[in-house]
Amino acid sequence: MPPIPSMRRTAACALTALALAPGAPAPATAQAAAPPPAADGWTWTLDAAAQGLFASHAFWGLAQAFAPAAGYDTRTTWLEAYVRPGVAGRHALDAATTAYGGVSLVASGTLGEDVFQQGNTGRVLVDDAYLGVRRTLAGGTTLDASAGAQRYGRGLGLLLAMGAGNGYERGAVTLAPRRAWGMTTVVRATHGPATLEAFYLDPNELASGDTGTRLAGGRAQWAPSASTSFGIAWFEVLRSGAPYPQAPLRLVENGRDGLATTDPHARWAPAAGPLAGLSVSGELAIQRNDRIAMKATGWGGEVGWRLAGLPLQPRLSWSPRYYSGDEPGTRDTLERFDPLFYDASPATWSSGGNGSLAFYNSNLRVDRFRVELTVSPRDFVNVNYWNVRAAQADSPIQYGQAGRLVSQGGTVTLVSGVPVRPLTQELYAEWTRVLSQRVFLTAGFGVAVPDDGLKAILPAGAKTWVGGLVNLSYRH
């Protein structure tokens, strides 16, 4: 089994696998790659951010209960920063054909120890480095082929969004500045509202946790207008050394290898008419792997409404999510959902502000309620509430934390996870001030209150996890 960086920190955090996924909130500083300029030439970009953070009673006291000898410090402060210079360009080869490309570097680091007891480290690495060619045929069909290290996402970010690992030896675990896949090949044909695409993806994983994952697939999408789109993707993991946890407390080696996923998604957000301001979106993932008898499901959606006529122009939204967990009573079948490379920002698929550092979007039922307010042309506030529950009791939520022996009907049984499903309730509020066209100041504060499930496995008392951040970012 390839080394997993968080596995050796289970004793300290009672959590694992976060280095293999985004696993942390990505503030507004983590941007998509700049598109090539509309005309021949080059566009230079520069993103940078510095972020100070603190945490108190991180992970609710799990480390103190299950690994007291590790000496995990539940109160910590640290500083993260990154700089990303980049350039993208295009050149017309003839009237119908254009070549394009781009490259960017990311220098990132952490000063002090973060909640994973990692710090005083960082790296300077290539993020984007890609080339492509686009040709328009006589009938209006556009063909596009690109390859290299580039950003790529499908659907709404439930599965394929973050192509690079952050944190640990690279530093900046919560800023998550790296997003580009280590290697891609993307071939796309577009005609009017219809798009067909084939892709190959090799994630840019951490050197300390490289699972060797490679995946390939295709998608079809129909977008009749800017406000409406429907799509479906299908892809398969060609090879991977990533293990899967299975109830009660064991690992399936190379579990991800051979995973096949069917992934439909849709979005509707009318821009005019009586329903202007309404948005409805959703994504479903059906996962199968016959090699290990795996049948898993994950889905999520959002219903939102921008009330532009009211003071502060509030946008209210509700986002339910479900990620299946392994059923303890089905020893020959694995039902645990694999979230792969999901987008874990508070505005998308995170399962909490602080909680996004703990929950891996597997074996969870989540409801997120969000209020976004425009306080002034330069001030924006959003408030998020998450209710997080386990999809299956006595089943791994991460990689088998809280493994313990219990007496069930007179028989001593090994179990993991939590005995009852409620996990946490969390409130996270964030304020952003636009200091100038390119400079932004953000402050956030989160309180994650343990619920009955965590309280049940922490008889000495589960603690309320409090955390906050101050972020200064620059974009050009």
Protein backbone atom coordinates (compact mmCIF):
# COMPACT_ATOMS: atom_id res chain seq x y z
CA MET A 1 0.00 0.00 0.00
CA PRO A 2 1.45 3.44 -0.84
CA PRO A 3 2.15 5.63 2.17
CA ILE A 4 -0.69 7.86 3.27
CA PRO A 5 0.56 10.98 5.06
CA SER A 6 -2.39 11.27 7.42
CA MET A 7 -2.28 7.59 8.39
CA ARG A 8 0.81 8.20 10.51
CA ARG A 9 -1.01 11.13 12.16
CA THR A 10 -4.09 9.15 13.16
CA ALA A 11 -2.87 8.97 16.72
CA ALA A 12 -2.58 12.74 16.86
CA CYS A 13 -5.81 13.66 15.09
CA ALA A 14 -7.92 10.47 15.15
CA LEU A 15 -8.57 11.29 11.50
CA THR A 16 -6.96 10.34 8.20
CA ALA A 17 -6.97 10.64 4.41
CA LEU A 18 -7.29 14.41 4.24
CA ALA A 19 -4.05 14.70 2.29
CA LEU A 20 -5.57 12.64 -0.51
CA ALA A 21 -8.49 15.00 -1.03
CA PRO A 22 -9.03 18.74 -0.81
CA GLY A 23 -10.34 18.25 2.70
CA ALA A 24 -10.16 21.93 3.74
CA PRO A 25 -12.05 25.11 3.02
CA ALA A 26 -10.73 26.94 -0.02
CA PRO A 27 -11.33 30.68 0.40
CA ALA A 28 -11.89 33.01 -2.51
CA THR A 29 -8.14 33.13 -3.07
CA ALA A 30 -8.10 29.78 -4.88
CA GLN A 31 -9.09 30.80 -8.39
CA ALA A 32 -9.55 28.93 -11.63
CA ALA A 33 -6.85 29.30 -14.22
CA ALA A 34 -7.07 32.47 -16.29
CA PRO A 35 -8.42 31.80 -19.81
CA PRO A 36 -6.28 32.68 -22.81
CA PRO A 37 -6.73 36.27 -24.04
CA ALA A 38 -9.48 36.94 -26.60
CA ALA A 39 -6.90 38.14 -29.13
CA ASP A 40 -3.41 36.92 -29.95
CA GLY A 41 -0.97 37.66 -27.17
CA TRP A 42 -0.24 36.94 -23.54
CA THR A 43 -2.01 37.62 -20.27
CA TRP A 44 -0.01 37.74 -17.05
CA THR A 45 -1.62 36.88 -13.73
CA LEU A 46 -0.54 37.07 -10.11
CA ASP A 47 -2.46 35.70 -7.14
CA ALA A 48 -1.18 35.91 -3.58
CA ALA A 49 -2.60 35.49 -0.10
CA ALA A 50 -1.58 35.41 3.53
CA GLN A 51 -3.85 33.87 6.14
CA GLY A 52 -3.59 33.70 9.90
CA LEU A 53 -5.62 31.03 11.72
CA PHE A 54 -6.35 29.76 15.19
CA ALA A 55 -8.09 26.68 16.52
CA SER A 56 -9.20 25.69 20.00
CA HIS A 57 -10.24 22.14 20.97
CA ALA A 58 -9.59 20.97 17.40
CA PHE A 59 -11.28 17.65 16.55
CA TRP A 60 -13.51 17.91 19.65
CA GLY A 61 -11.09 16.00 21.91
CA LEU A 62 -10.79 12.80 19.87
CA ALA A 63 -6.98 12.83 20.10
CA GLN A 64 -7.00 13.13 23.88
CA ALA A 65 -9.44 10.22 24.21
CA PHE A 66 -7.93 7.76 21.73
CA ALA A 67 -4.24 8.75 21.67
CA PRO A 68 -3.42 10.55 24.92
CA ALA A 69 0.28 9.71 24.62
CA ALA A 70 0.57 11.66 21.36
CA GLY A 71 0.50 14.99 23.18
CA TYR A 72 -1.73 16.63 20.59
CA ASP A 73 -2.13 20.36 21.31
CA THR A 74 -5.78 21.32 20.87
CA ARG A 75 -4.98 25.05 20.79
CA THR A 76 -2.85 26.29 17.93
CA THR A 77 -2.19 29.34 15.79
CA TRP A 78 -0.37 29.42 12.48
CA LEU A 79 0.24 31.46 9.33
CA GLU A 80 -0.14 30.30 5.72
CA ALA A 81 0.81 32.10 2.52
CA TYR A 82 1.24 31.54 -1.18
CA VAL A 83 2.19 33.39 -4.38
CA ARG A 84 1.09 32.20 -7.81
CA PRO A 85 2.49 33.98 -10.90
CA GLY A 86 1.20 32.76 -14.24
CA VAL A 87 0.90 33.51 -17.92
CA ALA A 88 -1.57 32.33 -20.57
CA GLY A 89 -1.51 33.05 -24.29
CA ARG A 90 -2.92 32.22 -27.69
CA HIS A 91 -1.85 32.45 -31.32
CA ALA A 92 -4.00 32.15 -34.43
CA LEU A 93 -2.51 29.57 -36.80
CA ASP A 94 -5.06 30.36 -39.49
CA ALA A 95 -8.60 31.73 -39.73
CA ALA A 96 -10.10 28.62 -38.11
CA THR A 97 -7.33 27.33 -35.84
CA THR A 98 -5.87 28.72 -32.63
CA ALA A 99 -3.09 27.40 -30.43
CA TYR A 100 -3.07 28.28 -26.74
CA GLY A 101 -1.25 27.46 -23.54
CA GLY A 102 -0.33 28.57 -20.08
CA VAL A 103 2.03 28.04 -17.18
CA SER A 104 1.99 28.99 -13.51
CA LEU A 105 4.06 28.40 -10.40
CA VAL A 106 2.94 28.21 -6.79
CA ALA A 107 5.21 29.05 -3.87
CA SER A 108 3.41 28.12 -0.64
CA GLY A 109 4.27 27.58 2.98
CA THR A 110 3.15 27.36 6.60
CA LEU A 111 4.75 29.11 9.57
CA GLY A 112 3.97 27.43 12.88
CA GLU A 113 2.07 24.13 13.29
CA ASP A 114 -1.40 23.72 11.81
CA VAL A 115 -4.14 21.45 13.21
CA PHE A 116 -2.44 18.44 11.60
CA GLN A 117 0.78 19.22 13.50
CA GLN A 118 2.51 20.15 10.27
CA GLY A 119 4.35 23.42 9.80
CA ASN A 120 7.46 25.43 9.08
CA THR A 121 7.50 23.95 5.61
CA GLY A 122 6.59 24.75 2.01
CA ARG A 123 7.37 24.15 -1.65
CA VAL A 124 7.79 25.96 -4.98
CA LEU A 125 6.21 23.81 -7.70
CA VAL A 126 4.68 24.09 -11.14
CA ASP A 127 0.88 24.25 -11.06
CA ASP A 128 -0.33 24.82 -14.66
CA ALA A 129 1.74 23.83 -17.71
CA TYR A 130 -0.49 23.01 -20.68
CA LEU A 131 -0.84 23.40 -24.45
CA GLY A 132 -3.94 23.15 -26.60
CA VAL A 133 -5.33 23.71 -30.06
CA ARG A 134 -8.85 24.78 -31.04
CA ARG A 135 -10.37 24.55 -34.53
CA THR A 136 -13.77 25.65 -35.82
CA LEU A 137 -15.18 23.55 -38.65
CA ALA A 138 -17.32 24.84 -41.51
CA GLY A 139 -20.56 23.58 -39.95
CA GLY A 140 -19.98 25.46 -36.70
CA THR A 141 -18.57 22.58 -34.68
CA THR A 142 -15.57 23.47 -32.52
CA LEU A 143 -12.90 20.87 -31.76
CA ASP A 144 -10.58 21.45 -28.82
CA ALA A 145 -7.69 19.29 -27.61
CA SER A 146 -5.36 20.10 -24.73
CA ALA A 147 -2.79 18.30 -22.63
CA GLY A 148 -0.53 18.94 -19.69
CA ALA A 149 -0.94 20.11 -16.12
CA GLN A 150 -4.15 22.12 -16.02
CA ARG A 151 -7.31 22.69 -14.01
CA TYR A 152 -10.25 20.58 -14.92
CA GLY A 153 -13.60 20.00 -13.30
CA ARG A 154 -16.83 18.26 -14.17
CA GLY A 155 -20.33 18.68 -12.90
CA LEU A 156 -20.73 20.81 -9.79
CA GLY A 157 -17.53 19.71 -8.07
CA LEU A 158 -18.95 16.71 -6.18
CA LEU A 159 -16.16 14.43 -7.47
CA LEU A 160 -13.74 16.07 -9.90
CA ALA A 161 -12.56 19.57 -9.02
CA MET A 162 -9.27 19.68 -7.09
CA GLY A 163 -6.53 18.03 -9.09
CA ALA A 164 -3.70 18.75 -6.65
CA GLY A 165 -2.89 17.99 -3.04
CA ASN A 166 -2.22 20.80 -0.56
CA GLY A 167 -0.85 21.05 2.94
CA TYR A 168 1.64 18.79 4.71
CA GLU A 169 5.06 19.17 3.02
CA ARG A 170 3.61 21.74 0.58
CA GLY A 171 2.15 23.95 3.32
CA ALA A 172 -0.97 26.15 3.10
CA VAL A 173 -3.48 23.37 3.86
CA THR A 174 -6.50 25.69 4.24
CA LEU A 175 -5.61 28.14 1.46
CA ALA A 176 -5.37 25.16 -0.92
CA PRO A 177 -3.70 27.19 -3.70
CA ARG A 178 -2.90 24.24 -5.96
CA ARG A 179 -5.74 22.96 -8.11
CA ALA A 180 -4.23 21.75 -11.39
CA TRP A 181 -4.02 18.03 -12.22
CA GLY A 182 -0.49 16.74 -12.66
CA MET A 183 -1.25 15.54 -16.20
CA THR A 184 -4.36 15.69 -18.34
CA THR A 185 -5.55 14.99 -21.85
CA VAL A 186 -8.87 16.57 -22.79
CA VAL A 187 -10.58 16.29 -26.21
CA ARG A 188 -13.81 18.21 -26.67
CA ALA A 189 -16.31 18.76 -29.47
CA THR A 190 -18.92 21.53 -29.16
CA HIS A 191 -21.80 22.26 -31.51
CA GLY A 192 -24.33 24.83 -30.39
CA PRO A 193 -25.59 23.84 -26.93
CA ALA A 194 -24.15 20.30 -27.11
CA THR A 195 -20.73 19.19 -25.88
CA LEU A 196 -19.02 15.80 -26.03
CA GLU A 197 -15.75 15.25 -24.23
CA ALA A 198 -13.18 12.61 -23.36
CA PHE A 199 -10.60 13.05 -20.62
CA TYR A 200 -7.66 11.42 -18.87
CA LEU A 201 -6.57 12.69 -15.43
CA ASP A 202 -3.50 12.08 -13.30
CA PRO A 203 -3.79 14.00 -10.00
CA ASN A 204 -0.87 15.99 -8.62
CA GLU A 205 -0.84 14.19 -5.27
CA LEU A 206 1.47 14.85 -2.37
CA ALA A 207 4.79 13.04 -2.58
CA SER A 208 4.17 11.69 0.93
CA GLY A 209 0.78 10.29 -0.05
CA ASP A 210 0.89 9.44 -3.74
CA THR A 211 -1.70 6.72 -4.40
CA GLY A 212 -0.87 6.43 -8.10
CA THR A 213 -4.47 7.14 -9.06
CA ARG A 214 -5.23 7.51 -12.78
CA LEU A 215 -8.70 7.88 -14.25
CA ALA A 216 -10.32 8.35 -17.65
CA GLY A 217 -13.81 8.89 -18.98
CA GLY A 218 -16.12 11.08 -20.94
CA ARG A 219 -19.10 13.36 -20.62
CA ALA A 220 -21.99 14.79 -22.60
CA GLN A 221 -23.61 18.13 -21.81
CA TRP A 222 -26.48 20.14 -23.19
CA ALA A 223 -26.63 23.83 -22.24
CA PRO A 224 -29.43 25.55 -24.20
CA SER A 225 -28.82 28.84 -22.36
CA ALA A 226 -26.50 30.43 -19.82
CA SER A 227 -29.05 29.63 -17.12
CA THR A 228 -29.68 25.95 -17.92
CA SER A 229 -27.43 22.94 -18.30
CA PHE A 230 -27.76 19.17 -18.12
CA GLY A 231 -24.89 16.73 -18.26
CA ILE A 232 -23.72 13.23 -17.53
CA ALA A 233 -20.22 11.88 -17.10
CA TRP A 234 -18.86 8.37 -16.84
CA PHE A 235 -15.33 7.58 -15.75
CA GLU A 236 -13.24 4.74 -14.38
CA VAL A 237 -10.18 4.61 -12.16
CA LEU A 238 -7.60 2.86 -14.31
CA ARG A 239 -5.31 2.14 -11.39
CA SER A 240 -4.87 3.28 -7.80
CA GLY A 241 -3.25 2.20 -4.57
CA ALA A 242 -5.70 4.12 -2.38
CA PRO A 243 -7.17 1.86 0.32
CA TYR A 244 -10.81 1.81 1.44
CA PRO A 245 -11.98 1.43 5.05
CA GLN A 246 -14.62 -1.21 5.70
CA ALA A 247 -16.72 -1.90 8.79
CA PRO A 248 -15.96 -2.77 11.42
CA LEU A 249 -12.29 -1.84 11.28
CA ARG A 250 -10.22 -3.00 8.34
CA LEU A 251 -8.68 -1.64 5.15
CA VAL A 252 -9.29 -2.94 1.64
CA GLU A 253 -5.95 -2.50 -0.08
CA ASN A 254 -6.06 -0.81 -3.51
CA GLY A 255 -9.80 -0.36 -2.98
CA ARG A 256 -10.14 2.52 -5.45
CA ASP A 257 -8.53 0.53 -8.28
CA GLY A 258 -11.21 -0.22 -10.91
CA LEU A 259 -13.86 2.12 -9.49
CA ALA A 260 -16.48 3.09 -12.11
CA THR A 261 -18.70 6.16 -11.61
CA THR A 262 -21.79 7.43 -13.42
CA ASP A 263 -22.29 11.12 -12.67
CA PRO A 264 -25.36 13.08 -13.93
CA HIS A 265 -25.75 16.75 -12.98
CA ALA A 266 -28.03 19.69 -13.76
CA ARG A 267 -28.38 23.40 -13.04
CA TRP A 268 -31.22 25.88 -13.67
CA ALA A 269 -30.98 29.58 -12.75
CA PRO A 270 -33.34 31.82 -14.76
CA ALA A 271 -31.90 35.29 -15.30
CA ALA A 272 -35.20 37.03 -16.09
CA GLY A 273 -38.91 36.69 -15.46
CA PRO A 274 -40.84 36.03 -12.24
CA LEU A 275 -38.35 33.34 -11.14
CA ALA A 276 -35.24 35.48 -11.63
CA GLY A 277 -32.99 34.96 -8.62
CA LEU A 278 -33.98 31.31 -8.20
CA SER A 279 -31.32 28.64 -8.71
CA VAL A 280 -31.65 24.87 -8.53
CA SER A 281 -28.73 22.48 -9.00
CA GLY A 282 -27.87 18.90 -8.23
CA GLU A 283 -25.38 16.11 -8.85
CA LEU A 284 -25.60 12.34 -8.36
CA ALA A 285 -22.78 9.82 -8.31
CA ILE A 286 -23.38 6.08 -8.63
CA GLN A 287 -20.23 4.08 -7.92
CA ARG A 288 -19.53 0.42 -8.63
CA ASN A 289 -16.45 -1.75 -8.34
CA ASP A 290 -17.13 -5.42 -9.04
CA ARG A 291 -13.59 -6.37 -8.03
CA ILE A 292 -14.36 -5.62 -4.37
CA ALA A 293 -18.21 -5.88 -4.48
CA MET A 294 -18.64 -2.13 -4.01
CA LYS A 295 -21.98 -0.35 -4.45
CA ALA A 296 -22.00 3.25 -3.24
CA THR A 297 -23.98 6.41 -3.85
CA GLY A 298 -23.46 10.10 -3.23
CA TRP A 299 -25.60 13.06 -4.14
CA GLY A 300 -26.15 16.68 -3.30
CA GLY A 301 -27.99 19.73 -4.47
CA GLU A 302 -28.89 23.30 -3.71
CA VAL A 303 -32.03 25.40 -3.90
CA GLY A 304 -31.30 29.11 -3.61
CA TRP A 305 -33.11 32.41 -4.09
CA ARG A 306 -31.63 35.88 -4.39
CA LEU A 307 -34.12 38.44 -3.05
CA ALA A 308 -32.68 41.40 -4.92
CA GLY A 309 -35.54 43.73 -3.99
CA LEU A 310 -34.95 43.48 -0.24
CA PRO A 311 -32.38 45.37 1.85
CA LEU A 312 -28.96 43.68 1.78
CA GLN A 313 -30.11 41.66 -1.28
CA PRO A 314 -30.09 38.38 0.68
CA ARG A 315 -29.55 35.07 -1.03
CA LEU A 316 -30.98 32.15 0.92
CA SER A 317 -30.07 28.56 0.11
CA TRP A 318 -30.52 25.02 1.38
CA SER A 319 -28.16 22.27 0.32
CA PRO A 320 -28.85 18.64 1.34
CA ARG A 321 -26.13 16.01 0.74
CA TYR A 322 -25.79 12.26 1.23
CA TYR A 323 -22.65 10.12 1.00
CA SER A 324 -23.25 6.44 1.69
CA GLY A 325 -21.35 4.60 4.39
CA ASP A 326 -20.45 0.95 4.71
CA GLU A 327 -23.25 -1.07 6.29
CA PRO A 328 -21.82 -3.07 9.21
CA GLY A 329 -24.17 -6.00 8.56
CA THR A 330 -23.06 -6.62 4.95
CA ARG A 331 -19.54 -8.02 5.30
CA ASP A 332 -19.37 -9.11 1.63
CA THR A 333 -20.38 -5.73 0.18
CA LEU A 334 -18.73 -2.33 0.50
CA GLU A 335 -21.16 0.63 0.45
CA ARG A 336 -18.75 3.43 1.40
CA PHE A 337 -18.83 6.39 -1.01
CA ASP A 338 -15.52 7.68 -2.42
CA PRO A 339 -15.64 11.49 -2.91
CA LEU A 340 -12.46 11.39 -4.99
CA PHE A 341 -11.21 14.93 -5.71
CA TYR A 342 -14.14 17.09 -4.59
CA ASP A 343 -14.30 20.86 -4.05
CA ALA A 344 -14.36 21.43 -0.28
CA SER A 345 -14.93 25.17 0.08
CA PRO A 346 -17.73 26.34 2.41
CA ALA A 347 -19.64 27.63 -0.62
CA THR A 348 -19.62 24.21 -2.31
CA TRP A 349 -19.22 20.72 -0.83
CA SER A 350 -17.57 21.16 2.56
CA SER A 351 -19.25 19.51 5.54
CA GLY A 352 -18.50 22.42 7.84
CA GLY A 353 -16.05 25.27 8.30
CA ASN A 354 -13.94 23.56 10.96
CA GLY A 355 -15.66 20.31 10.04
CA SER A 356 -14.24 20.37 6.52
CA LEU A 357 -10.88 19.61 8.15
CA ALA A 358 -12.38 16.51 9.76
CA PHE A 359 -15.02 15.01 7.49
CA TYR A 360 -14.07 13.38 4.20
CA ASN A 361 -17.57 13.46 2.61
CA SER A 362 -18.11 9.77 3.12
CA ASN A 363 -20.65 8.09 5.43
CA LEU A 364 -22.38 11.43 6.01
CA ARG A 365 -25.79 13.08 5.77
CA VAL A 366 -25.46 16.85 5.68
CA ASP A 367 -27.81 19.80 5.53
CA ARG A 368 -26.27 23.20 4.89
CA PHE A 369 -28.23 26.44 5.19
CA ARG A 370 -26.56 29.59 3.90
CA VAL A 371 -27.38 33.30 3.94
CA GLU A 372 -25.40 35.70 1.73
CA LEU A 373 -25.73 39.43 2.32
CA THR A 374 -24.53 42.49 0.39
CA VAL A 375 -23.91 44.96 3.20
CA SER A 376 -22.42 47.60 0.90
CA PRO A 377 -20.83 47.70 -2.55
CA ARG A 378 -17.59 46.72 -0.80
CA ASP A 379 -18.78 44.54 2.08
CA PHE A 380 -20.17 41.03 1.82
CA VAL A 381 -21.23 38.67 4.61
CA ASN A 382 -22.23 35.03 4.47
CA VAL A 383 -23.42 32.84 7.32
CA ASN A 384 -23.45 29.03 7.05
CA TYR A 385 -25.04 26.41 9.29
CA TRP A 386 -24.32 22.69 8.89
CA ASN A 387 -26.11 19.79 10.51
CA VAL A 388 -23.84 16.76 10.03
CA ARG A 389 -24.86 13.17 10.75
CA ALA A 390 -23.39 9.78 9.95
CA ALA A 391 -25.17 7.85 7.20
CA GLN A 392 -24.38 4.58 9.01
CA ALA A 393 -23.78 4.10 12.71
CA ASP A 394 -20.85 1.91 13.83
CA SER A 395 -19.15 2.39 10.48
CA PRO A 396 -15.94 4.25 9.53
CA ILE A 397 -16.35 7.93 8.82
CA GLN A 398 -12.66 8.39 8.08
CA TYR A 399 -10.29 5.44 8.35
CA GLY A 400 -11.73 3.74 11.40
CA GLN A 401 -11.31 6.36 14.10
CA ALA A 402 -12.85 5.53 17.45
CA GLY A 403 -12.24 1.80 17.01
CA ARG A 404 -13.33 0.06 20.20
CA LEU A 405 -14.75 -3.11 21.70
CA VAL A 406 -18.40 -3.10 22.77
CA SER A 407 -20.73 -5.71 24.23
CA GLN A 408 -23.72 -6.43 22.00
CA GLY A 409 -26.15 -9.08 23.26
CA GLY A 410 -23.50 -10.61 25.46
CA THR A 411 -20.97 -10.78 22.61
CA VAL A 412 -17.90 -8.53 22.48
CA THR A 413 -17.74 -6.89 19.04
CA LEU A 414 -15.20 -4.60 17.38
CA VAL A 415 -16.82 -1.42 16.00
CA SER A 416 -15.71 1.97 14.70
CA GLY A 417 -17.36 5.28 13.93
CA VAL A 418 -20.15 6.47 16.21
CA PRO A 419 -23.00 4.49 17.83
CA VAL A 420 -25.64 7.11 17.05
CA ARG A 421 -25.70 9.25 13.93
CA PRO A 422 -25.71 12.94 14.96
CA LEU A 423 -22.13 14.25 14.68
CA THR A 424 -21.94 18.05 14.80
CA GLN A 425 -23.80 21.26 14.35
CA GLU A 426 -21.65 24.12 13.09
CA LEU A 427 -22.03 27.83 12.47
CA TYR A 428 -19.50 29.62 10.28
CA ALA A 429 -19.68 33.34 9.45
CA GLU A 430 -17.44 35.18 7.00
CA TRP A 431 -17.05 38.86 6.10
CA THR A 432 -15.19 40.14 3.02
CA ARG A 433 -14.15 43.73 2.45
CA VAL A 434 -13.10 44.84 -1.04
CA LEU A 435 -10.16 47.11 -0.29
CA SER A 436 -9.46 47.82 -3.96
CA GLN A 437 -10.05 46.28 -7.37
CA ARG A 438 -7.37 43.69 -6.61
CA VAL A 439 -7.04 43.49 -2.82
CA PHE A 440 -9.53 41.73 -0.51
CA LEU A 441 -9.70 41.30 3.26
CA THR A 442 -11.67 38.38 4.74
CA ALA A 443 -12.35 37.34 8.32
CA GLY A 444 -14.12 34.13 9.31
CA PHE A 445 -15.18 32.50 12.56
CA GLY A 446 -16.58 28.99 13.12
CA VAL A 447 -18.04 27.10 16.07
CA ALA A 448 -18.52 23.33 15.69
CA VAL A 449 -20.62 21.90 18.53
CA PRO A 450 -20.36 18.12 19.07
CA ASP A 451 -23.63 16.20 18.84
CA ASP A 452 -24.75 12.91 20.39
CA GLY A 453 -22.58 10.66 18.20
CA LEU A 454 -19.31 12.32 19.20
CA LYS A 455 -20.44 12.70 22.80
CA ALA A 456 -21.12 8.96 22.99
CA ILE A 457 -17.52 8.03 22.15
CA LEU A 458 -16.00 10.77 24.33
CA PRO A 459 -17.24 9.92 27.84
CA ALA A 460 -14.76 12.42 29.36
CA GLY A 461 -16.56 15.18 27.48
CA ALA A 462 -16.57 16.31 23.86
CA LYS A 463 -15.32 19.87 23.41
CA THR A 464 -16.70 22.60 21.17
CA TRP A 465 -14.23 23.25 18.33
CA VAL A 466 -13.70 26.98 17.76
CA GLY A 467 -11.66 28.34 14.87
CA GLY A 468 -11.10 31.54 12.95
CA LEU A 469 -9.09 33.14 10.18
CA VAL A 470 -8.02 36.49 8.76
CA ASN A 471 -7.10 36.51 5.08
CA LEU A 472 -5.53 39.18 2.87
CA SER A 473 -5.47 38.33 -0.82
CA TYR A 474 -4.36 39.93 -4.08
CA ARG A 475 -5.54 39.00 -7.57
CA HIS A 476 -4.34 40.29 -10.89
